[in-house]
Amino acid sequence: MIGSGAYDYINVLNKAAEASWTKNEIIANNIANVDTPDYKRKDLDFESLLADALTDSTTKNMDKKVSQINLKSLTPSVYTEYSTLSYRYDGNNVDIDTETAYLADNQIKYYTLLNSMTQEFNRLKMVLNQ
């Protein structure tokens, strides 16, 4: 985390990228346990935290909303999804096709976040060079 107001977007993007990386690990773990009896699918809750942090602000200006976010409050949590539901007789609720789709979706989000951070740094670099 960088402690300057000029880096507010980068700090939020960094938290989102960290959450996306963690989610990638969780999805990979779900895939690894696709044949484990009684294993229940896990997921990560981050996007709702970020949405709540952005809507809590009274201002309509996105720059101010982002600058007011308490980064410590953006701590994602892992939860077990549908812990009482099972798709199969062995008690497992992981569907391999769904997990691979989630993995592909999450990887696209992760690389998009990295690209957005790179663009933010490039903007700062352009300002400093002028």
N, C-alpha and C. Protein backbone atom coordinates (compact mmCIF):
# COMPACT_ATOMS: atom_id res chain seq x y z
N MET A 1 0.84 -1.18 0.00
CA MET A 1 0.00 0.00 0.00
C MET A 1 0.89 1.25 0.00
N ILE A 2 0.56 2.15 -0.89
CA ILE A 2 1.33 3.38 -1.03
C ILE A 2 0.56 4.49 -0.33
N GLY A 3 1.23 5.29 0.52
CA GLY A 3 0.57 6.24 1.38
C GLY A 3 0.37 7.63 0.84
N SER A 4 0.04 7.80 -0.40
CA SER A 4 -0.21 9.12 -0.96
C SER A 4 -1.57 9.11 -1.64
N GLY A 5 -2.25 10.25 -1.61
CA GLY A 5 -3.56 10.35 -2.26
C GLY A 5 -3.51 10.10 -3.75
N ALA A 6 -2.36 10.31 -4.35
CA ALA A 6 -2.23 10.08 -5.80
C ALA A 6 -2.34 8.59 -6.13
N TYR A 7 -2.19 7.77 -5.14
CA TYR A 7 -2.20 6.32 -5.37
C TYR A 7 -3.47 5.63 -4.88
N ASP A 8 -4.53 6.39 -4.63
CA ASP A 8 -5.76 5.81 -4.10
C ASP A 8 -6.30 4.69 -5.00
N TYR A 9 -6.40 4.96 -6.29
CA TYR A 9 -6.91 3.95 -7.21
C TYR A 9 -6.00 2.73 -7.23
N ILE A 10 -4.70 2.97 -7.24
CA ILE A 10 -3.74 1.87 -7.29
C ILE A 10 -3.87 1.01 -6.04
N ASN A 11 -4.04 1.63 -4.89
CA ASN A 11 -4.19 0.87 -3.64
C ASN A 11 -5.45 0.00 -3.67
N VAL A 12 -6.55 0.55 -4.17
CA VAL A 12 -7.79 -0.23 -4.25
C VAL A 12 -7.64 -1.34 -5.29
N LEU A 13 -7.04 -1.02 -6.42
CA LEU A 13 -6.81 -2.05 -7.43
C LEU A 13 -5.90 -3.16 -6.91
N ASN A 14 -4.91 -2.78 -6.11
CA ASN A 14 -4.01 -3.76 -5.52
C ASN A 14 -4.77 -4.70 -4.58
N LYS A 15 -5.65 -4.14 -3.74
CA LYS A 15 -6.45 -4.98 -2.84
C LYS A 15 -7.34 -5.93 -3.66
N ALA A 16 -7.91 -5.43 -4.73
CA ALA A 16 -8.76 -6.25 -5.58
C ALA A 16 -7.94 -7.37 -6.25
N ALA A 17 -6.73 -7.04 -6.68
CA ALA A 17 -5.87 -8.05 -7.31
C ALA A 17 -5.45 -9.12 -6.30
N GLU A 18 -5.15 -8.70 -5.07
CA GLU A 18 -4.82 -9.68 -4.03
C GLU A 18 -6.00 -10.61 -3.77
N ALA A 19 -7.21 -10.03 -3.71
CA ALA A 19 -8.41 -10.85 -3.50
C ALA A 19 -8.63 -11.80 -4.67
N SER A 20 -8.39 -11.32 -5.87
CA SER A 20 -8.56 -12.16 -7.05
C SER A 20 -7.55 -13.31 -7.05
N TRP A 21 -6.33 -13.03 -6.63
CA TRP A 21 -5.30 -14.08 -6.54
C TRP A 21 -5.72 -15.14 -5.52
N THR A 22 -6.23 -14.70 -4.37
CA THR A 22 -6.70 -15.63 -3.35
C THR A 22 -7.87 -16.45 -3.87
N LYS A 23 -8.78 -15.80 -4.58
CA LYS A 23 -9.92 -16.52 -5.15
C LYS A 23 -9.45 -17.57 -6.14
N ASN A 24 -8.43 -17.25 -6.90
CA ASN A 24 -7.86 -18.21 -7.85
C ASN A 24 -7.38 -19.46 -7.10
N GLU A 25 -6.71 -19.26 -5.97
CA GLU A 25 -6.23 -20.38 -5.16
C GLU A 25 -7.39 -21.20 -4.60
N ILE A 26 -8.46 -20.53 -4.20
CA ILE A 26 -9.62 -21.23 -3.67
C ILE A 26 -10.30 -22.06 -4.75
N ILE A 27 -10.45 -21.50 -5.93
CA ILE A 27 -11.06 -22.23 -7.05
C ILE A 27 -10.19 -23.43 -7.42
N ALA A 28 -8.87 -23.25 -7.43
CA ALA A 28 -7.96 -24.37 -7.72
C ALA A 28 -8.11 -25.46 -6.67
N ASN A 29 -8.30 -25.06 -5.42
CA ASN A 29 -8.52 -26.04 -4.35
C ASN A 29 -9.85 -26.77 -4.54
N ASN A 30 -10.88 -26.05 -4.98
CA ASN A 30 -12.16 -26.69 -5.27
C ASN A 30 -12.00 -27.74 -6.38
N ILE A 31 -11.25 -27.37 -7.41
CA ILE A 31 -11.02 -28.31 -8.52
C ILE A 31 -10.24 -29.52 -8.04
N ALA A 32 -9.25 -29.28 -7.19
CA ALA A 32 -8.44 -30.40 -6.67
C ALA A 32 -9.28 -31.35 -5.82
N ASN A 33 -10.35 -30.84 -5.22
CA ASN A 33 -11.19 -31.66 -4.34
C ASN A 33 -12.49 -32.09 -5.00
N VAL A 34 -12.53 -32.08 -6.32
CA VAL A 34 -13.76 -32.43 -7.02
C VAL A 34 -14.21 -33.86 -6.72
N ASP A 35 -13.30 -34.76 -6.40
CA ASP A 35 -13.66 -36.14 -6.10
C ASP A 35 -13.55 -36.49 -4.62
N THR A 36 -13.39 -35.51 -3.77
CA THR A 36 -13.28 -35.76 -2.33
C THR A 36 -14.68 -35.86 -1.73
N PRO A 37 -15.01 -37.00 -1.12
CA PRO A 37 -16.34 -37.15 -0.53
C PRO A 37 -16.60 -36.09 0.56
N ASP A 38 -17.80 -35.57 0.57
CA ASP A 38 -18.28 -34.58 1.54
C ASP A 38 -17.58 -33.23 1.47
N TYR A 39 -16.75 -32.99 0.46
CA TYR A 39 -16.13 -31.67 0.31
C TYR A 39 -17.18 -30.69 -0.18
N LYS A 40 -17.17 -29.51 0.39
CA LYS A 40 -18.09 -28.45 -0.01
C LYS A 40 -17.32 -27.30 -0.62
N ARG A 41 -17.84 -26.81 -1.70
CA ARG A 41 -17.22 -25.73 -2.47
C ARG A 41 -17.03 -24.49 -1.61
N LYS A 42 -15.89 -23.84 -1.79
CA LYS A 42 -15.59 -22.61 -1.07
C LYS A 42 -15.49 -21.46 -2.07
N ASP A 43 -15.73 -20.27 -1.57
CA ASP A 43 -15.65 -19.08 -2.42
C ASP A 43 -15.16 -17.91 -1.57
N LEU A 44 -14.90 -16.80 -2.22
CA LEU A 44 -14.36 -15.62 -1.56
C LEU A 44 -15.30 -14.45 -1.78
N ASP A 45 -15.57 -13.71 -0.71
CA ASP A 45 -16.42 -12.54 -0.81
C ASP A 45 -15.57 -11.28 -0.73
N PHE A 46 -15.39 -10.61 -1.86
CA PHE A 46 -14.67 -9.34 -1.91
C PHE A 46 -15.46 -8.27 -2.65
N GLU A 47 -16.05 -8.65 -3.76
CA GLU A 47 -16.72 -7.67 -4.62
C GLU A 47 -17.85 -6.95 -3.88
N SER A 48 -18.57 -7.66 -3.03
CA SER A 48 -19.65 -6.99 -2.28
C SER A 48 -19.07 -6.01 -1.26
N LEU A 49 -17.90 -6.34 -0.68
CA LEU A 49 -17.24 -5.41 0.24
C LEU A 49 -16.85 -4.12 -0.47
N LEU A 50 -16.29 -4.26 -1.66
CA LEU A 50 -15.88 -3.09 -2.44
C LEU A 50 -17.10 -2.28 -2.86
N ALA A 51 -18.15 -2.95 -3.30
CA ALA A 51 -19.37 -2.24 -3.69
C ALA A 51 -19.96 -1.48 -2.51
N ASP A 52 -19.97 -2.11 -1.34
CA ASP A 52 -20.48 -1.44 -0.14
C ASP A 52 -19.62 -0.24 0.22
N ALA A 53 -18.31 -0.39 0.11
CA ALA A 53 -17.41 0.72 0.44
C ALA A 53 -17.62 1.90 -0.51
N LEU A 54 -17.91 1.62 -1.75
CA LEU A 54 -18.13 2.69 -2.73
C LEU A 54 -19.51 3.33 -2.59
N THR A 55 -20.50 2.59 -2.13
CA THR A 55 -21.84 3.15 -2.00
C THR A 55 -22.07 3.81 -0.64
N ASP A 56 -21.20 3.54 0.35
CA ASP A 56 -21.34 4.16 1.66
C ASP A 56 -21.05 5.66 1.63
N SER A 57 -20.30 6.08 0.65
CA SER A 57 -19.90 7.48 0.57
C SER A 57 -21.10 8.36 0.21
N THR A 58 -21.13 9.56 0.76
CA THR A 58 -22.21 10.50 0.47
C THR A 58 -21.95 11.32 -0.79
N THR A 59 -20.74 11.29 -1.28
CA THR A 59 -20.39 12.06 -2.47
C THR A 59 -20.67 11.26 -3.74
N LYS A 60 -20.87 11.97 -4.83
CA LYS A 60 -21.09 11.32 -6.12
C LYS A 60 -19.80 11.27 -6.94
N ASN A 61 -18.77 11.95 -6.48
CA ASN A 61 -17.50 12.00 -7.17
C ASN A 61 -16.70 10.71 -6.90
N MET A 62 -16.39 9.97 -7.95
CA MET A 62 -15.71 8.68 -7.79
C MET A 62 -14.32 8.83 -7.17
N ASP A 63 -13.60 9.90 -7.52
CA ASP A 63 -12.28 10.11 -6.93
C ASP A 63 -12.38 10.23 -5.41
N LYS A 64 -13.36 10.99 -4.94
CA LYS A 64 -13.54 11.15 -3.50
C LYS A 64 -14.00 9.85 -2.84
N LYS A 65 -14.87 9.11 -3.54
CA LYS A 65 -15.32 7.81 -3.00
C LYS A 65 -14.14 6.88 -2.79
N VAL A 66 -13.28 6.82 -3.80
CA VAL A 66 -12.12 5.93 -3.72
C VAL A 66 -11.17 6.40 -2.63
N SER A 67 -10.97 7.69 -2.51
CA SER A 67 -10.04 8.20 -1.50
C SER A 67 -10.57 7.98 -0.07
N GLN A 68 -11.88 7.84 0.08
CA GLN A 68 -12.47 7.65 1.40
C GLN A 68 -12.54 6.19 1.83
N ILE A 69 -12.19 5.28 0.95
CA ILE A 69 -12.27 3.85 1.29
C ILE A 69 -11.23 3.51 2.35
N ASN A 70 -11.66 2.84 3.37
CA ASN A 70 -10.76 2.32 4.39
C ASN A 70 -10.25 0.96 3.89
N LEU A 71 -9.01 0.91 3.47
CA LEU A 71 -8.47 -0.30 2.87
C LEU A 71 -8.47 -1.49 3.84
N LYS A 72 -8.39 -1.21 5.12
CA LYS A 72 -8.41 -2.30 6.10
C LYS A 72 -9.78 -2.97 6.17
N SER A 73 -10.82 -2.24 5.77
CA SER A 73 -12.16 -2.82 5.77
C SER A 73 -12.37 -3.72 4.56
N LEU A 74 -11.48 -3.66 3.59
CA LEU A 74 -11.58 -4.50 2.39
C LEU A 74 -10.83 -5.81 2.59
N THR A 75 -11.18 -6.52 3.63
CA THR A 75 -10.57 -7.81 3.91
C THR A 75 -11.53 -8.90 3.47
N PRO A 76 -11.20 -9.61 2.41
CA PRO A 76 -12.11 -10.63 1.90
C PRO A 76 -12.25 -11.80 2.87
N SER A 77 -13.38 -12.47 2.79
CA SER A 77 -13.61 -13.62 3.66
C SER A 77 -13.96 -14.84 2.81
N VAL A 78 -13.45 -15.97 3.25
CA VAL A 78 -13.72 -17.24 2.59
C VAL A 78 -14.96 -17.84 3.25
N TYR A 79 -15.85 -18.35 2.44
CA TYR A 79 -17.04 -18.99 2.97
C TYR A 79 -17.33 -20.28 2.21
N THR A 80 -18.06 -21.16 2.87
CA THR A 80 -18.47 -22.42 2.25
C THR A 80 -19.83 -22.19 1.61
N GLU A 81 -19.89 -22.46 0.32
CA GLU A 81 -21.12 -22.21 -0.42
C GLU A 81 -22.04 -23.43 -0.37
N TYR A 82 -23.28 -23.20 -0.04
CA TYR A 82 -24.31 -24.25 0.00
C TYR A 82 -23.83 -25.47 0.78
N SER A 83 -23.47 -25.24 2.04
CA SER A 83 -22.88 -26.30 2.85
C SER A 83 -23.83 -27.47 3.09
N THR A 84 -25.12 -27.27 2.94
CA THR A 84 -26.07 -28.37 3.13
C THR A 84 -26.51 -29.00 1.82
N LEU A 85 -26.07 -28.45 0.70
CA LEU A 85 -26.46 -28.94 -0.61
C LEU A 85 -25.39 -29.87 -1.18
N SER A 86 -25.85 -30.92 -1.83
CA SER A 86 -24.92 -31.83 -2.49
C SER A 86 -25.48 -32.21 -3.85
N TYR A 87 -24.63 -32.20 -4.86
CA TYR A 87 -25.05 -32.58 -6.20
C TYR A 87 -24.91 -34.09 -6.44
N ARG A 88 -24.16 -34.72 -5.58
CA ARG A 88 -23.84 -36.13 -5.81
C ARG A 88 -24.11 -36.94 -4.54
N TYR A 89 -24.10 -38.25 -4.70
CA TYR A 89 -24.34 -39.16 -3.57
C TYR A 89 -23.22 -39.14 -2.53
N ASP A 90 -22.02 -38.75 -2.94
CA ASP A 90 -20.90 -38.75 -1.99
C ASP A 90 -20.84 -37.49 -1.13
N GLY A 91 -21.80 -36.57 -1.27
CA GLY A 91 -21.85 -35.37 -0.44
C GLY A 91 -21.08 -34.18 -0.97
N ASN A 92 -20.38 -34.35 -2.07
CA ASN A 92 -19.58 -33.27 -2.67
C ASN A 92 -20.51 -32.36 -3.48
N ASN A 93 -20.27 -31.05 -3.45
CA ASN A 93 -21.09 -30.13 -4.24
C ASN A 93 -20.27 -29.33 -5.26
N VAL A 94 -19.13 -29.86 -5.67
CA VAL A 94 -18.28 -29.18 -6.65
C VAL A 94 -18.60 -29.72 -8.04
N ASP A 95 -18.88 -28.80 -8.96
CA ASP A 95 -19.09 -29.15 -10.36
C ASP A 95 -17.88 -28.67 -11.15
N ILE A 96 -17.18 -29.58 -11.78
CA ILE A 96 -15.91 -29.26 -12.44
C ILE A 96 -16.11 -28.24 -13.57
N ASP A 97 -17.19 -28.36 -14.32
CA ASP A 97 -17.43 -27.41 -15.41
C ASP A 97 -17.67 -26.00 -14.89
N THR A 98 -18.41 -25.88 -13.82
CA THR A 98 -18.66 -24.57 -13.22
C THR A 98 -17.37 -23.98 -12.67
N GLU A 99 -16.57 -24.81 -12.01
CA GLU A 99 -15.31 -24.32 -11.43
C GLU A 99 -14.35 -23.84 -12.50
N THR A 100 -14.25 -24.56 -13.60
CA THR A 100 -13.33 -24.12 -14.66
C THR A 100 -13.82 -22.81 -15.29
N ALA A 101 -15.14 -22.64 -15.36
CA ALA A 101 -15.68 -21.37 -15.87
C ALA A 101 -15.36 -20.24 -14.89
N TYR A 102 -15.54 -20.50 -13.57
CA TYR A 102 -15.18 -19.50 -12.56
C TYR A 102 -13.69 -19.17 -12.61
N LEU A 103 -12.87 -20.18 -12.83
CA LEU A 103 -11.42 -19.97 -12.90
C LEU A 103 -11.06 -19.07 -14.09
N ALA A 104 -11.65 -19.35 -15.25
CA ALA A 104 -11.38 -18.52 -16.43
C ALA A 104 -11.85 -17.08 -16.20
N ASP A 105 -13.04 -16.92 -15.63
CA ASP A 105 -13.57 -15.60 -15.34
C ASP A 105 -12.67 -14.85 -14.37
N ASN A 106 -12.23 -15.52 -13.34
CA ASN A 106 -11.38 -14.88 -12.33
C ASN A 106 -10.00 -14.51 -12.91
N GLN A 107 -9.47 -15.34 -13.77
CA GLN A 107 -8.19 -15.01 -14.39
C GLN A 107 -8.29 -13.77 -15.27
N ILE A 108 -9.39 -13.64 -15.97
CA ILE A 108 -9.60 -12.44 -16.79
C ILE A 108 -9.68 -11.21 -15.89
N LYS A 109 -10.40 -11.32 -14.77
CA LYS A 109 -10.49 -10.20 -13.82
C LYS A 109 -9.11 -9.84 -13.28
N TYR A 110 -8.33 -10.85 -12.92
CA TYR A 110 -7.01 -10.61 -12.35
C TYR A 110 -6.11 -9.86 -13.33
N TYR A 111 -6.06 -10.33 -14.57
CA TYR A 111 -5.20 -9.66 -15.55
C TYR A 111 -5.72 -8.28 -15.92
N THR A 112 -7.03 -8.09 -15.86
CA THR A 112 -7.60 -6.76 -16.09
C THR A 112 -7.20 -5.80 -14.97
N LEU A 113 -7.22 -6.29 -13.73
CA LEU A 113 -6.79 -5.47 -12.60
C LEU A 113 -5.32 -5.08 -12.72
N LEU A 114 -4.48 -6.05 -13.10
CA LEU A 114 -3.06 -5.74 -13.30
C LEU A 114 -2.87 -4.71 -14.41
N ASN A 115 -3.62 -4.86 -15.48
CA ASN A 115 -3.54 -3.90 -16.58
C ASN A 115 -3.99 -2.51 -16.13
N SER A 116 -5.03 -2.46 -15.32
CA SER A 116 -5.51 -1.17 -14.81
C SER A 116 -4.47 -0.51 -13.92
N MET A 117 -3.78 -1.29 -13.09
CA MET A 117 -2.71 -0.73 -12.25
C MET A 117 -1.58 -0.20 -13.10
N THR A 118 -1.21 -0.92 -14.13
CA THR A 118 -0.16 -0.48 -15.05
C THR A 118 -0.55 0.84 -15.71
N GLN A 119 -1.80 0.96 -16.13
CA GLN A 119 -2.26 2.21 -16.74
C GLN A 119 -2.22 3.37 -15.75
N GLU A 120 -2.59 3.11 -14.50
CA GLU A 120 -2.53 4.16 -13.48
C GLU A 120 -1.09 4.63 -13.27
N PHE A 121 -0.15 3.68 -13.20
CA PHE A 121 1.26 4.06 -13.05
C PHE A 121 1.75 4.83 -14.28
N ASN A 122 1.30 4.42 -15.45
CA ASN A 122 1.69 5.14 -16.67
C ASN A 122 1.17 6.57 -16.69
N ARG A 123 -0.04 6.76 -16.16
CA ARG A 123 -0.60 8.13 -16.06
C ARG A 123 0.24 8.98 -15.12
N LEU A 124 0.59 8.42 -13.98
CA LEU A 124 1.43 9.15 -13.03
C LEU A 124 2.80 9.46 -13.63
N LYS A 125 3.35 8.50 -14.36
CA LYS A 125 4.65 8.70 -14.99
C LYS A 125 4.58 9.81 -16.04
N MET A 126 3.46 9.83 -16.79
CA MET A 126 3.30 10.85 -17.81
C MET A 126 3.21 12.25 -17.17
N VAL A 127 2.50 12.36 -16.07
CA VAL A 127 2.38 13.64 -15.37
C VAL A 127 3.75 14.09 -14.84
N LEU A 128 4.50 13.16 -14.28
CA LEU A 128 5.81 13.50 -13.73
C LEU A 128 6.82 13.90 -14.79
N ASN A 129 6.66 13.37 -15.99
CA ASN A 129 7.59 13.68 -17.08
C ASN A 129 7.30 15.01 -17.76
N GLN A 130 6.17 15.62 -17.47
CA GLN A 130 5.83 16.87 -18.14
C GLN A 130 6.31 18.07 -17.38
